[in-house]
């Protein structure tokens, strides 16, 4: 079992919850690159991607490395909001992301069929 958390220290963290003792969490990875606090986080339906939202007006999409669950790489930075991103979610199939912002808008982002690293 894994958990993702966001923090005002400008990071998101991935944690592994111990099966034998759920009070024990092991940090797997720290996701960095934000210029302000991370306010929203969500796993994709398959658990291989994470989307984060930040007070810096961006959302970031991350993917776990196939060979090492402690290695996550940034796939995309979603730019378009004019105020803090306060909500993020994946569609049930994981091909779309929705972001909600203090700018009173929601944006729907779709992965490009020709290149999974491109979101628009």
PDB file of N, CA and C in Angstrom:
ATOM      1  N   UNK A   1       0.829  -1.186   0.000  1.00  0.00           N
ATOM      2  CA  UNK A   1       0.000   0.000   0.000  1.00  0.00           C
ATOM      3  C   UNK A   1       0.869   1.244   0.000  1.00  0.00           C
ATOM      4  N   UNK A   2       0.504   2.187  -0.849  1.00  0.00           N
ATOM      5  CA  UNK A   2       1.253   3.427  -0.933  1.00  0.00           C
ATOM      6  C   UNK A   2       0.345   4.617  -0.667  1.00  0.00           C
ATOM      7  N   UNK A   3       0.975   5.684  -0.169  1.00  0.00           N
ATOM      8  CA  UNK A   3       0.286   6.932   0.136  1.00  0.00           C
ATOM      9  C   UNK A   3       1.125   8.054  -0.466  1.00  0.00           C
ATOM     10  N   UNK A   4       0.450   9.083  -0.990  1.00  0.00           N
ATOM     11  CA  UNK A   4       1.147  10.277  -1.455  1.00  0.00           C
ATOM     12  C   UNK A   4       0.658  11.454  -0.612  1.00  0.00           C
ATOM     13  N   UNK A   5       1.599  12.314  -0.204  1.00  0.00           N
ATOM     14  CA  UNK A   5       1.255  13.496   0.588  1.00  0.00           C
ATOM     15  C   UNK A   5       1.863  14.731  -0.061  1.00  0.00           C
ATOM     16  N   UNK A   6       1.199  15.862   0.135  1.00  0.00           N
ATOM     17  CA  UNK A   6       1.725  17.141  -0.305  1.00  0.00           C
ATOM     18  C   UNK A   6       2.040  17.981   0.913  1.00  0.00           C
ATOM     19  N   UNK A   7       2.962  18.938   0.755  1.00  0.00           N
ATOM     20  CA  UNK A   7       3.408  19.715   1.902  1.00  0.00           C
ATOM     21  C   UNK A   7       3.682  21.161   1.508  1.00  0.00           C
ATOM     22  N   UNK A   8       3.588  22.028   2.493  1.00  0.00           N
ATOM     23  CA  UNK A   8       3.917  23.434   2.278  1.00  0.00           C
ATOM     24  C   UNK A   8       5.424  23.651   2.148  1.00  0.00           C
ATOM     25  N   UNK A   9       6.231  22.594   2.329  1.00  0.00           N
ATOM     26  CA  UNK A   9       7.679  22.727   2.139  1.00  0.00           C
ATOM     27  C   UNK A   9       8.080  22.576   0.663  1.00  0.00           C
ATOM     28  N   UNK A  10       7.062  22.604  -0.230  1.00  0.00           N
ATOM     29  CA  UNK A  10       7.261  22.549  -1.683  1.00  0.00           C
ATOM     30  C   UNK A  10       7.637  21.168  -2.190  1.00  0.00           C
ATOM     31  N   UNK A  11       7.218  20.130  -1.491  1.00  0.00           N
ATOM     32  CA  UNK A  11       7.470  18.763  -1.940  1.00  0.00           C
ATOM     33  C   UNK A  11       6.190  17.936  -1.839  1.00  0.00           C
ATOM     34  N   UNK A  12       6.199  16.847  -2.575  1.00  0.00           N
ATOM     35  CA  UNK A  12       5.232  15.767  -2.376  1.00  0.00           C
ATOM     36  C   UNK A  12       6.062  14.531  -2.045  1.00  0.00           C
ATOM     37  N   UNK A  13       5.510  13.656  -1.214  1.00  0.00           N
ATOM     38  CA  UNK A  13       6.258  12.460  -0.826  1.00  0.00           C
ATOM     39  C   UNK A  13       5.417  11.216  -1.046  1.00  0.00           C
ATOM     40  N   UNK A  14       6.103  10.165  -1.500  1.00  0.00           N
ATOM     41  CA  UNK A  14       5.497   8.856  -1.680  1.00  0.00           C
ATOM     42  C   UNK A  14       5.940   7.975  -0.532  1.00  0.00           C
ATOM     43  N   UNK A  15       4.973   7.280   0.060  1.00  0.00           N
ATOM     44  CA  UNK A  15       5.226   6.453   1.243  1.00  0.00           C
ATOM     45  C   UNK A  15       4.730   5.039   1.012  1.00  0.00           C
ATOM     46  N   UNK A  16       5.446   4.075   1.547  1.00  0.00           N
ATOM     47  CA  UNK A  16       5.010   2.678   1.586  1.00  0.00           C
ATOM     48  C   UNK A  16       4.522   2.397   3.000  1.00  0.00           C
ATOM     49  N   UNK A  17       3.305   1.903   3.124  1.00  0.00           N
ATOM     50  CA  UNK A  17       2.743   1.566   4.434  1.00  0.00           C
ATOM     51  C   UNK A  17       3.047   0.093   4.716  1.00  0.00           C
ATOM     52  N   UNK A  18       3.656  -0.166   5.855  1.00  0.00           N
ATOM     53  CA  UNK A  18       4.014  -1.539   6.218  1.00  0.00           C
ATOM     54  C   UNK A  18       2.753  -2.378   6.405  1.00  0.00           C
ATOM     55  N   UNK A  19       2.718  -3.548   5.779  1.00  0.00           N
ATOM     56  CA  UNK A  19       1.545  -4.423   5.888  1.00  0.00           C
ATOM     57  C   UNK A  19       1.368  -4.967   7.305  1.00  0.00           C
ATOM     58  N   UNK A  20       2.476  -5.286   7.960  1.00  0.00           N
ATOM     59  CA  UNK A  20       2.392  -5.873   9.293  1.00  0.00           C
ATOM     60  C   UNK A  20       2.061  -4.847  10.374  1.00  0.00           C
ATOM     61  N   UNK A  21       2.349  -3.568  10.096  1.00  0.00           N
ATOM     62  CA  UNK A  21       2.069  -2.508  11.069  1.00  0.00           C
ATOM     63  C   UNK A  21       1.740  -1.213  10.321  1.00  0.00           C
ATOM     64  N   UNK A  22       0.454  -0.914  10.096  1.00  0.00           N
ATOM     65  CA  UNK A  22       0.063   0.269   9.321  1.00  0.00           C
ATOM     66  C   UNK A  22       0.504   1.599   9.917  1.00  0.00           C
ATOM     67  N   UNK A  23       1.013   1.582  11.142  1.00  0.00           N
ATOM     68  CA  UNK A  23       1.517   2.836  11.719  1.00  0.00           C
ATOM     69  C   UNK A  23       2.944   3.135  11.264  1.00  0.00           C
ATOM     70  N   UNK A  24       3.562   2.201  10.547  1.00  0.00           N
ATOM     71  CA  UNK A  24       4.929   2.376  10.064  1.00  0.00           C
ATOM     72  C   UNK A  24       4.890   2.724   8.576  1.00  0.00           C
ATOM     73  N   UNK A  25       5.444   3.900   8.254  1.00  0.00           N
ATOM     74  CA  UNK A  25       5.512   4.359   6.872  1.00  0.00           C
ATOM     75  C   UNK A  25       6.974   4.527   6.480  1.00  0.00           C
ATOM     76  N   UNK A  26       7.336   4.029   5.303  1.00  0.00           N
ATOM     77  CA  UNK A  26       8.678   4.155   4.760  1.00  0.00           C
ATOM     78  C   UNK A  26       8.628   5.117   3.573  1.00  0.00           C
ATOM     79  N   UNK A  27       9.432   6.179   3.611  1.00  0.00           N
ATOM     80  CA  UNK A  27       9.438   7.126   2.493  1.00  0.00           C
ATOM     81  C   UNK A  27      10.121   6.502   1.288  1.00  0.00           C
ATOM     82  N   UNK A  28       9.406   6.438   0.169  1.00  0.00           N
ATOM     83  CA  UNK A  28       9.946   5.883  -1.069  1.00  0.00           C
ATOM     84  C   UNK A  28      10.603   6.941  -1.940  1.00  0.00           C
ATOM     85  N   UNK A  29       9.978   8.112  -2.023  1.00  0.00           N
ATOM     86  CA  UNK A  29      10.483   9.138  -2.934  1.00  0.00           C
ATOM     87  C   UNK A  29       9.997  10.504  -2.499  1.00  0.00           C
ATOM     88  N   UNK A  30      10.782  11.523  -2.840  1.00  0.00           N
ATOM     89  CA  UNK A  30      10.392  12.910  -2.649  1.00  0.00           C
ATOM     90  C   UNK A  30      10.302  13.555  -4.026  1.00  0.00           C
ATOM     91  N   UNK A  31       9.143  14.136  -4.331  1.00  0.00           N
ATOM     92  CA  UNK A  31       8.917  14.787  -5.620  1.00  0.00           C
ATOM     93  C   UNK A  31       9.150  16.281  -5.442  1.00  0.00           C
ATOM     94  N   UNK A  32      10.094  16.820  -6.194  1.00  0.00           N
ATOM     95  CA  UNK A  32      10.495  18.213  -6.031  1.00  0.00           C
ATOM     96  C   UNK A  32      10.363  18.968  -7.349  1.00  0.00           C
ATOM     97  N   UNK A  33      10.426  20.298  -7.249  1.00  0.00           N
ATOM     98  CA  UNK A  33      10.373  21.127  -8.441  1.00  0.00           C
ATOM     99  C   UNK A  33       9.320  22.211  -8.351  1.00  0.00           C
ATOM    100  N   UNK A  34       8.653  22.290  -7.233  1.00  0.00           N
ATOM    101  CA  UNK A  34       7.610  23.288  -7.023  1.00  0.00           C
ATOM    102  C   UNK A  34       8.232  24.568  -6.479  1.00  0.00           C
ATOM    103  N   UNK A  35       7.586  25.704  -6.747  1.00  0.00           N
ATOM    104  CA  UNK A  35       8.067  26.968  -6.184  1.00  0.00           C
ATOM    105  C   UNK A  35       7.185  27.446  -5.040  1.00  0.00           C
ATOM    106  N   UNK A  36       6.181  26.631  -4.692  1.00  0.00           N
ATOM    107  CA  UNK A  36       5.298  26.948  -3.564  1.00  0.00           C
ATOM    108  C   UNK A  36       4.730  25.636  -3.032  1.00  0.00           C
ATOM    109  N   UNK A  37       3.885  25.710  -2.021  1.00  0.00           N
ATOM    110  CA  UNK A  37       3.366  24.515  -1.364  1.00  0.00           C
ATOM    111  C   UNK A  37       2.544  23.620  -2.282  1.00  0.00           C
ATOM    112  N   UNK A  38       2.577  22.316  -1.987  1.00  0.00           N
ATOM    113  CA  UNK A  38       1.794  21.326  -2.727  1.00  0.00           C
ATOM    114  C   UNK A  38       0.480  21.124  -1.983  1.00  0.00           C
ATOM    115  N   UNK A  39      -0.633  21.435  -2.655  1.00  0.00           N
ATOM    116  CA  UNK A  39      -1.943  21.493  -2.008  1.00  0.00           C
ATOM    117  C   UNK A  39      -2.881  20.361  -2.378  1.00  0.00           C
ATOM    118  N   UNK A  40      -2.560  19.600  -3.428  1.00  0.00           N
ATOM    119  CA  UNK A  40      -3.460  18.532  -3.872  1.00  0.00           C
ATOM    120  C   UNK A  40      -2.639  17.404  -4.479  1.00  0.00           C
ATOM    121  N   UNK A  41      -3.056  16.165  -4.221  1.00  0.00           N
ATOM    122  CA  UNK A  41      -2.348  14.988  -4.742  1.00  0.00           C
ATOM    123  C   UNK A  41      -3.358  13.897  -5.072  1.00  0.00           C
ATOM    124  N   UNK A  42      -3.033  13.087  -6.078  1.00  0.00           N
ATOM    125  CA  UNK A  42      -3.900  11.944  -6.416  1.00  0.00           C
ATOM    126  C   UNK A  42      -3.094  10.899  -7.178  1.00  0.00           C
ATOM    127  N   UNK A  43      -3.373   9.625  -6.901  1.00  0.00           N
ATOM    128  CA  UNK A  43      -2.826   8.514  -7.672  1.00  0.00           C
ATOM    129  C   UNK A  43      -3.697   8.254  -8.886  1.00  0.00           C
ATOM    130  N   UNK A  44      -3.083   7.767  -9.960  1.00  0.00           N
ATOM    131  CA  UNK A  44      -3.837   7.290 -11.123  1.00  0.00           C
ATOM    132  C   UNK A  44      -4.517   5.976 -10.753  1.00  0.00           C
ATOM    133  N   UNK A  45      -5.511   5.559 -11.536  1.00  0.00           N
ATOM    134  CA  UNK A  45      -6.197   4.293 -11.218  1.00  0.00           C
ATOM    135  C   UNK A  45      -5.263   3.081 -11.161  1.00  0.00           C
ATOM    136  N   UNK A  46      -4.200   3.068 -11.967  1.00  0.00           N
ATOM    137  CA  UNK A  46      -3.285   1.921 -11.939  1.00  0.00           C
ATOM    138  C   UNK A  46      -2.165   2.068 -10.915  1.00  0.00           C
ATOM    139  N   UNK A  47      -2.109   3.213 -10.226  1.00  0.00           N
ATOM    140  CA  UNK A  47      -1.104   3.434  -9.199  1.00  0.00           C
ATOM    141  C   UNK A  47       0.288   3.725  -9.713  1.00  0.00           C
ATOM    142  N   UNK A  48       0.457   3.880 -11.014  1.00  0.00           N
ATOM    143  CA  UNK A  48       1.783   4.103 -11.599  1.00  0.00           C
ATOM    144  C   UNK A  48       2.089   5.582 -11.838  1.00  0.00           C
ATOM    145  N   UNK A  49       1.072   6.434 -11.695  1.00  0.00           N
ATOM    146  CA  UNK A  49       1.256   7.868 -11.877  1.00  0.00           C
ATOM    147  C   UNK A  49       0.649   8.617 -10.705  1.00  0.00           C
ATOM    148  N   UNK A  50       1.166   9.826 -10.497  1.00  0.00           N
ATOM    149  CA  UNK A  50       0.648  10.730  -9.481  1.00  0.00           C
ATOM    150  C   UNK A  50       0.499  12.098 -10.139  1.00  0.00           C
ATOM    151  N   UNK A  51      -0.579  12.801  -9.816  1.00  0.00           N
ATOM    152  CA  UNK A  51      -0.720  14.193 -10.211  1.00  0.00           C
ATOM    153  C   UNK A  51      -0.742  15.023  -8.938  1.00  0.00           C
ATOM    154  N   UNK A  52      -0.059  16.173  -8.990  1.00  0.00           N
ATOM    155  CA  UNK A  52       0.011  17.064  -7.841  1.00  0.00           C
ATOM    156  C   UNK A  52      -0.406  18.460  -8.277  1.00  0.00           C
ATOM    157  N   UNK A  53      -0.990  19.211  -7.361  1.00  0.00           N
ATOM    158  CA  UNK A  53      -1.326  20.607  -7.616  1.00  0.00           C
ATOM    159  C   UNK A  53      -0.622  21.475  -6.593  1.00  0.00           C
ATOM    160  N   UNK A  54      -0.320  22.713  -6.984  1.00  0.00           N
ATOM    161  CA  UNK A  54       0.483  23.566  -6.121  1.00  0.00           C
ATOM    162  C   UNK A  54      -0.043  24.994  -6.064  1.00  0.00           C
ATOM    163  N   UNK A  55       0.354  25.662  -4.999  1.00  0.00           N
ATOM    164  CA  UNK A  55       0.075  27.091  -4.879  1.00  0.00           C
ATOM    165  C   UNK A  55       0.830  27.896  -5.930  1.00  0.00           C
ATOM    166  N   UNK A  56       1.799  27.282  -6.621  1.00  0.00           N
ATOM    167  CA  UNK A  56       2.539  27.990  -7.672  1.00  0.00           C
ATOM    168  C   UNK A  56       1.782  28.032  -9.002  1.00  0.00           C
ATOM    169  N   UNK A  57       0.506  27.618  -8.990  1.00  0.00           N
ATOM    170  CA  UNK A  57      -0.412  27.688 -10.136  1.00  0.00           C
ATOM    171  C   UNK A  57      -0.206  26.578 -11.160  1.00  0.00           C
ATOM    172  N   UNK A  58       0.597  25.578 -10.830  1.00  0.00           N
ATOM    173  CA  UNK A  58       0.849  24.474 -11.750  1.00  0.00           C
ATOM    174  C   UNK A  58       0.358  23.151 -11.164  1.00  0.00           C
ATOM    175  N   UNK A  59       0.246  22.181 -12.044  1.00  0.00           N
ATOM    176  CA  UNK A  59       0.068  20.787 -11.644  1.00  0.00           C
ATOM    177  C   UNK A  59       1.214  20.023 -12.292  1.00  0.00           C
ATOM    178  N   UNK A  60       1.649  18.967 -11.653  1.00  0.00           N
ATOM    179  CA  UNK A  60       2.724  18.148 -12.216  1.00  0.00           C
ATOM    180  C   UNK A  60       2.271  16.693 -12.253  1.00  0.00           C
ATOM    181  N   UNK A  61       2.664  16.037 -13.327  1.00  0.00           N
ATOM    182  CA  UNK A  61       2.355  14.631 -13.523  1.00  0.00           C
ATOM    183  C   UNK A  61       3.638  13.837 -13.389  1.00  0.00           C
ATOM    184  N   UNK A  62       3.607  12.801 -12.559  1.00  0.00           N
ATOM    185  CA  UNK A  62       4.778  11.979 -12.251  1.00  0.00           C
ATOM    186  C   UNK A  62       4.485  10.527 -12.583  1.00  0.00           C
ATOM    187  N   UNK A  63       5.543   9.786 -12.957  1.00  0.00           N
ATOM    188  CA  UNK A  63       5.397   8.350 -13.229  1.00  0.00           C
ATOM    189  C   UNK A  63       6.514   7.585 -12.549  1.00  0.00           C
ATOM    190  N   UNK A  64       6.163   6.420 -11.989  1.00  0.00           N
ATOM    191  CA  UNK A  64       7.146   5.569 -11.322  1.00  0.00           C
ATOM    192  C   UNK A  64       7.969   4.841 -12.385  1.00  0.00           C
ATOM    193  N   UNK A  65       9.256   4.664 -12.093  1.00  0.00           N
ATOM    194  CA  UNK A  65      10.129   3.901 -12.988  1.00  0.00           C
ATOM    195  C   UNK A  65       9.757   2.427 -12.906  1.00  0.00           C
ATOM    196  N   UNK A  66       9.724   1.770 -14.045  1.00  0.00           N
ATOM    197  CA  UNK A  66       9.358   0.347 -14.098  1.00  0.00           C
ATOM    198  C   UNK A  66      10.278  -0.510 -13.229  1.00  0.00           C
ATOM    199  N   UNK A  67      11.566  -0.181 -13.242  1.00  0.00           N
ATOM    200  CA  UNK A  67      12.555  -1.034 -12.584  1.00  0.00           C
ATOM    201  C   UNK A  67      12.762  -0.733 -11.110  1.00  0.00           C
ATOM    202  N   UNK A  68      12.290   0.443 -10.636  1.00  0.00           N
ATOM    203  CA  UNK A  68      12.574   0.821  -9.260  1.00  0.00           C
ATOM    204  C   UNK A  68      11.445   1.687  -8.705  1.00  0.00           C
ATOM    205  N   UNK A  69      10.625   1.162  -7.781  1.00  0.00           N
ATOM    206  CA  UNK A  69       9.493   1.927  -7.263  1.00  0.00           C
ATOM    207  C   UNK A  69       9.882   3.153  -6.442  1.00  0.00           C
ATOM    208  N   UNK A  70      11.173   3.325  -6.157  1.00  0.00           N
ATOM    209  CA  UNK A  70      11.593   4.516  -5.427  1.00  0.00           C
ATOM    210  C   UNK A  70      11.987   5.655  -6.374  1.00  0.00           C
ATOM    211  N   UNK A  71      11.979   5.391  -7.677  1.00  0.00           N
ATOM    212  CA  UNK A  71      12.355   6.401  -8.666  1.00  0.00           C
ATOM    213  C   UNK A  71      11.115   6.864  -9.422  1.00  0.00           C
ATOM    214  N   UNK A  72      10.828   8.154  -9.301  1.00  0.00           N
ATOM    215  CA  UNK A  72       9.706   8.772 -10.003  1.00  0.00           C
ATOM    216  C   UNK A  72      10.250   9.869 -10.901  1.00  0.00           C
ATOM    217  N   UNK A  73       9.723   9.973 -12.117  1.00  0.00           N
ATOM    218  CA  UNK A  73      10.163  11.032 -13.021  1.00  0.00           C
ATOM    219  C   UNK A  73       8.978  11.912 -13.391  1.00  0.00           C
ATOM    220  N   UNK A  74       9.266  13.182 -13.571  1.00  0.00           N
ATOM    221  CA  UNK A  74       8.210  14.115 -13.953  1.00  0.00           C
ATOM    222  C   UNK A  74       7.914  13.931 -15.433  1.00  0.00           C
ATOM    223  N   UNK A  75       6.659  13.666 -15.754  1.00  0.00           N
ATOM    224  CA  UNK A  75       6.237  13.533 -17.146  1.00  0.00           C
ATOM    225  C   UNK A  75       5.866  14.877 -17.749  1.00  0.00           C
ATOM    226  N   UNK A  76       5.203  15.713 -16.962  1.00  0.00           N
ATOM    227  CA  UNK A  76       4.702  16.971 -17.507  1.00  0.00           C
ATOM    228  C   UNK A  76       4.436  17.959 -16.389  1.00  0.00           C
ATOM    229  N   UNK A  77       4.555  19.235 -16.727  1.00  0.00           N
ATOM    230  CA  UNK A  77       4.099  20.320 -15.871  1.00  0.00           C
ATOM    231  C   UNK A  77       2.931  20.963 -16.591  1.00  0.00           C
ATOM    232  N   UNK A  78       1.775  20.986 -15.956  1.00  0.00           N
ATOM    233  CA  UNK A  78       0.552  21.506 -16.568  1.00  0.00           C
ATOM    234  C   UNK A  78       0.388  22.964 -16.160  1.00  0.00           C
ATOM    235  N   UNK A  79       0.473  23.847 -17.125  1.00  0.00           N
ATOM    236  CA  UNK A  79       0.449  25.287 -16.890  1.00  0.00           C
ATOM    237  C   UNK A  79      -0.776  25.878 -17.570  1.00  0.00           C
ATOM    238  N   UNK A  80      -1.503  26.733 -16.861  1.00  0.00           N
ATOM    239  CA  UNK A  80      -2.662  27.386 -17.460  1.00  0.00           C
ATOM    240  C   UNK A  80      -3.523  28.118 -16.455  1.00  0.00           C
ATOM    241  N   UNK A  81      -3.448  27.719 -15.203  1.00  0.00           N
ATOM    242  CA  UNK A  81      -4.225  28.396 -14.173  1.00  0.00           C
ATOM    243  C   UNK A  81      -3.563  29.721 -13.797  1.00  0.00           C
ATOM    244  N   UNK A  82      -4.371  30.660 -13.309  1.00  0.00           N
ATOM    245  CA  UNK A  82      -3.851  31.968 -12.899  1.00  0.00           C
ATOM    246  C   UNK A  82      -3.842  32.140 -11.383  1.00  0.00           C
ATOM    247  N   UNK A  83      -4.189  31.070 -10.661  1.00  0.00           N
ATOM    248  CA  UNK A  83      -4.142  31.090  -9.203  1.00  0.00           C
ATOM    249  C   UNK A  83      -3.843  29.671  -8.728  1.00  0.00           C
ATOM    250  N   UNK A  84      -3.763  29.471  -7.432  1.00  0.00           N
ATOM    251  CA  UNK A  84      -3.398  28.188  -6.822  1.00  0.00           C
ATOM    252  C   UNK A  84      -4.244  27.031  -7.347  1.00  0.00           C
ATOM    253  N   UNK A  85      -3.591  25.898  -7.587  1.00  0.00           N
ATOM    254  CA  UNK A  85      -4.298  24.661  -7.919  1.00  0.00           C
ATOM    255  C   UNK A  85      -4.636  23.969  -6.601  1.00  0.00           C
ATOM    256  N   UNK A  86      -5.920  23.790  -6.346  1.00  0.00           N
ATOM    257  CA  UNK A  86      -6.385  23.252  -5.064  1.00  0.00           C
ATOM    258  C   UNK A  86      -6.983  21.850  -5.157  1.00  0.00           C
ATOM    259  N   UNK A  87      -7.219  21.359  -6.391  1.00  0.00           N
ATOM    260  CA  UNK A  87      -7.823  20.034  -6.555  1.00  0.00           C
ATOM    261  C   UNK A  87      -7.267  19.374  -7.808  1.00  0.00           C
ATOM    262  N   UNK A  88      -7.024  18.061  -7.715  1.00  0.00           N
ATOM    263  CA  UNK A  88      -6.562  17.277  -8.861  1.00  0.00           C
ATOM    264  C   UNK A  88      -7.225  15.909  -8.812  1.00  0.00           C
ATOM    265  N   UNK A  89      -7.464  15.326  -9.993  1.00  0.00           N
ATOM    266  CA  UNK A  89      -8.034  13.976 -10.055  1.00  0.00           C
ATOM    267  C   UNK A  89      -7.761  13.374 -11.423  1.00  0.00           C
ATOM    268  N   UNK A  90      -7.638  12.058 -11.458  1.00  0.00           N
ATOM    269  CA  UNK A  90      -7.534  11.306 -12.706  1.00  0.00           C
ATOM    270  C   UNK A  90      -8.908  10.825 -13.128  1.00  0.00           C
ATOM    271  N   UNK A  91      -9.105  10.657 -14.432  1.00  0.00           N
ATOM    272  CA  UNK A  91     -10.306   9.993 -14.939  1.00  0.00           C
ATOM    273  C   UNK A  91     -10.197   8.504 -14.612  1.00  0.00           C
ATOM    274  N   UNK A  92     -11.305   7.775 -14.678  1.00  0.00           N
ATOM    275  CA  UNK A  92     -11.265   6.346 -14.333  1.00  0.00           C
ATOM    276  C   UNK A  92     -10.270   5.526 -15.154  1.00  0.00           C
ATOM    277  N   UNK A  93     -10.013   5.890 -16.398  1.00  0.00           N
ATOM    278  CA  UNK A  93      -9.051   5.155 -17.229  1.00  0.00           C
ATOM    279  C   UNK A  93      -7.646   5.740 -17.158  1.00  0.00           C
ATOM    280  N   UNK A  94      -7.474   6.885 -16.473  1.00  0.00           N
ATOM    281  CA  UNK A  94      -6.158   7.468 -16.294  1.00  0.00           C
ATOM    282  C   UNK A  94      -5.623   8.218 -17.495  1.00  0.00           C
ATOM    283  N   UNK A  95      -6.445   8.478 -18.505  1.00  0.00           N
ATOM    284  CA  UNK A  95      -5.992   9.173 -19.714  1.00  0.00           C
ATOM    285  C   UNK A  95      -6.268  10.673 -19.653  1.00  0.00           C
ATOM    286  N   UNK A  96      -6.982  11.100 -18.621  1.00  0.00           N
ATOM    287  CA  UNK A  96      -7.287  12.511 -18.446  1.00  0.00           C
ATOM    288  C   UNK A  96      -7.058  12.893 -16.992  1.00  0.00           C
ATOM    289  N   UNK A  97      -6.732  14.176 -16.789  1.00  0.00           N
ATOM    290  CA  UNK A  97      -6.572  14.746 -15.464  1.00  0.00           C
ATOM    291  C   UNK A  97      -7.417  15.998 -15.420  1.00  0.00           C
ATOM    292  N   UNK A  98      -8.073  16.234 -14.306  1.00  0.00           N
ATOM    293  CA  UNK A  98      -8.779  17.495 -14.100  1.00  0.00           C
ATOM    294  C   UNK A  98      -8.097  18.234 -12.951  1.00  0.00           C
ATOM    295  N   UNK A  99      -7.949  19.552 -13.128  1.00  0.00           N
ATOM    296  CA  UNK A  99      -7.383  20.391 -12.079  1.00  0.00           C
ATOM    297  C   UNK A  99      -8.384  21.490 -11.744  1.00  0.00           C
ATOM    298  N   UNK A 100      -8.478  21.818 -10.476  1.00  0.00           N
ATOM    299  CA  UNK A 100      -9.345  22.904 -10.024  1.00  0.00           C
ATOM    300  C   UNK A 100      -8.509  23.950  -9.315  1.00  0.00           C
ATOM    301  N   UNK A 101      -8.855  25.223  -9.541  1.00  0.00           N
ATOM    302  CA  UNK A 101      -8.018  26.299  -9.060  1.00  0.00           C
ATOM    303  C   UNK A 101      -8.819  27.361  -8.328  1.00  0.00           C
ATOM    304  N   UNK A 102      -8.093  28.143  -7.526  1.00  0.00           N
ATOM    305  CA  UNK A 102      -8.670  29.305  -6.862  1.00  0.00           C
ATOM    306  C   UNK A 102      -9.043  30.394  -7.876  1.00  0.00           C
ATOM    307  N   UNK A 103      -8.637  30.228  -9.139  1.00  0.00           N
ATOM    308  CA  UNK A 103      -9.031  31.186 -10.173  1.00  0.00           C
ATOM    309  C   UNK A 103     -10.458  30.934 -10.675  1.00  0.00           C
ATOM    310  N   UNK A 104     -11.141  29.997  -9.998  1.00  0.00           N
ATOM    311  CA  UNK A 104     -12.538  29.648 -10.286  1.00  0.00           C
ATOM    312  C   UNK A 104     -12.718  28.911 -11.610  1.00  0.00           C
ATOM    313  N   UNK A 105     -11.677  28.183 -12.020  1.00  0.00           N
ATOM    314  CA  UNK A 105     -11.787  27.366 -13.219  1.00  0.00           C
ATOM    315  C   UNK A 105     -11.370  25.933 -12.915  1.00  0.00           C
ATOM    316  N   UNK A 106     -11.877  25.044 -13.744  1.00  0.00           N
ATOM    317  CA  UNK A 106     -11.404  23.660 -13.774  1.00  0.00           C
ATOM    318  C   UNK A 106     -10.872  23.429 -15.175  1.00  0.00           C
ATOM    319  N   UNK A 107      -9.771  22.714 -15.276  1.00  0.00           N
ATOM    320  CA  UNK A 107      -9.185  22.414 -16.583  1.00  0.00           C
ATOM    321  C   UNK A 107      -9.078  20.912 -16.747  1.00  0.00           C
ATOM    322  N   UNK A 108      -9.411  20.457 -17.943  1.00  0.00           N
ATOM    323  CA  UNK A 108      -9.312  19.048 -18.291  1.00  0.00           C
ATOM    324  C   UNK A 108      -8.099  18.875 -19.194  1.00  0.00           C
ATOM    325  N   UNK A 109      -7.218  17.987 -18.797  1.00  0.00           N
ATOM    326  CA  UNK A 109      -5.976  17.731 -19.528  1.00  0.00           C
ATOM    327  C   UNK A 109      -6.040  16.322 -20.094  1.00  0.00           C
ATOM    328  N   UNK A 110      -5.643  16.161 -21.340  1.00  0.00           N
ATOM    329  CA  UNK A 110      -5.700  14.861 -22.022  1.00  0.00           C
ATOM    330  C   UNK A 110      -4.307  14.467 -22.463  1.00  0.00           C
ATOM    331  N   UNK A 111      -3.949  13.192 -22.287  1.00  0.00           N
ATOM    332  CA  UNK A 111      -2.665  12.704 -22.766  1.00  0.00           C
ATOM    333  C   UNK A 111      -2.726  12.607 -24.289  1.00  0.00           C
ATOM    334  N   UNK A 112      -1.650  13.023 -24.953  1.00  0.00           N
ATOM    335  CA  UNK A 112      -1.574  12.926 -26.407  1.00  0.00           C
ATOM    336  C   UNK A 112      -1.385  11.470 -26.803  1.00  0.00           C
ATOM    337  N   UNK A 113      -2.208  10.992 -27.727  1.00  0.00           N
ATOM    338  CA  UNK A 113      -2.127   9.584 -28.161  1.00  0.00           C
ATOM    339  C   UNK A 113      -0.754   9.248 -28.747  1.00  0.00           C
ATOM    340  N   UNK A 114      -0.169  10.218 -29.472  1.00  0.00           N
ATOM    341  CA  UNK A 114       1.095   9.953 -30.147  1.00  0.00           C
ATOM    342  C   UNK A 114       2.298   9.986 -29.209  1.00  0.00           C
ATOM    343  N   UNK A 115       2.127  10.629 -28.022  1.00  0.00           N
ATOM    344  CA  UNK A 115       3.256  10.742 -27.098  1.00  0.00           C
ATOM    345  C   UNK A 115       2.718  10.851 -25.670  1.00  0.00           C
ATOM    346  N   UNK A 116       2.798   9.771 -24.881  1.00  0.00           N
ATOM    347  CA  UNK A 116       2.245   9.773 -23.523  1.00  0.00           C
ATOM    348  C   UNK A 116       2.871  10.795 -22.583  1.00  0.00           C
ATOM    349  N   UNK A 117       3.987  11.412 -22.980  1.00  0.00           N
ATOM    350  CA  UNK A 117       4.586  12.433 -22.112  1.00  0.00           C
ATOM    351  C   UNK A 117       4.006  13.824 -22.394  1.00  0.00           C
ATOM    352  N   UNK A 118       3.140  13.939 -23.390  1.00  0.00           N
ATOM    353  CA  UNK A 118       2.550  15.230 -23.743  1.00  0.00           C
ATOM    354  C   UNK A 118       1.097  15.271 -23.260  1.00  0.00           C
ATOM    355  N   UNK A 119       0.800  16.271 -22.459  1.00  0.00           N
ATOM    356  CA  UNK A 119      -0.561  16.494 -21.954  1.00  0.00           C
ATOM    357  C   UNK A 119      -1.002  17.873 -22.394  1.00  0.00           C
ATOM    358  N   UNK A 120      -2.264  17.983 -22.847  1.00  0.00           N
ATOM    359  CA  UNK A 120      -2.775  19.282 -23.272  1.00  0.00           C
ATOM    360  C   UNK A 120      -4.232  19.426 -22.921  1.00  0.00           C
TER     361      UNK A 120
END
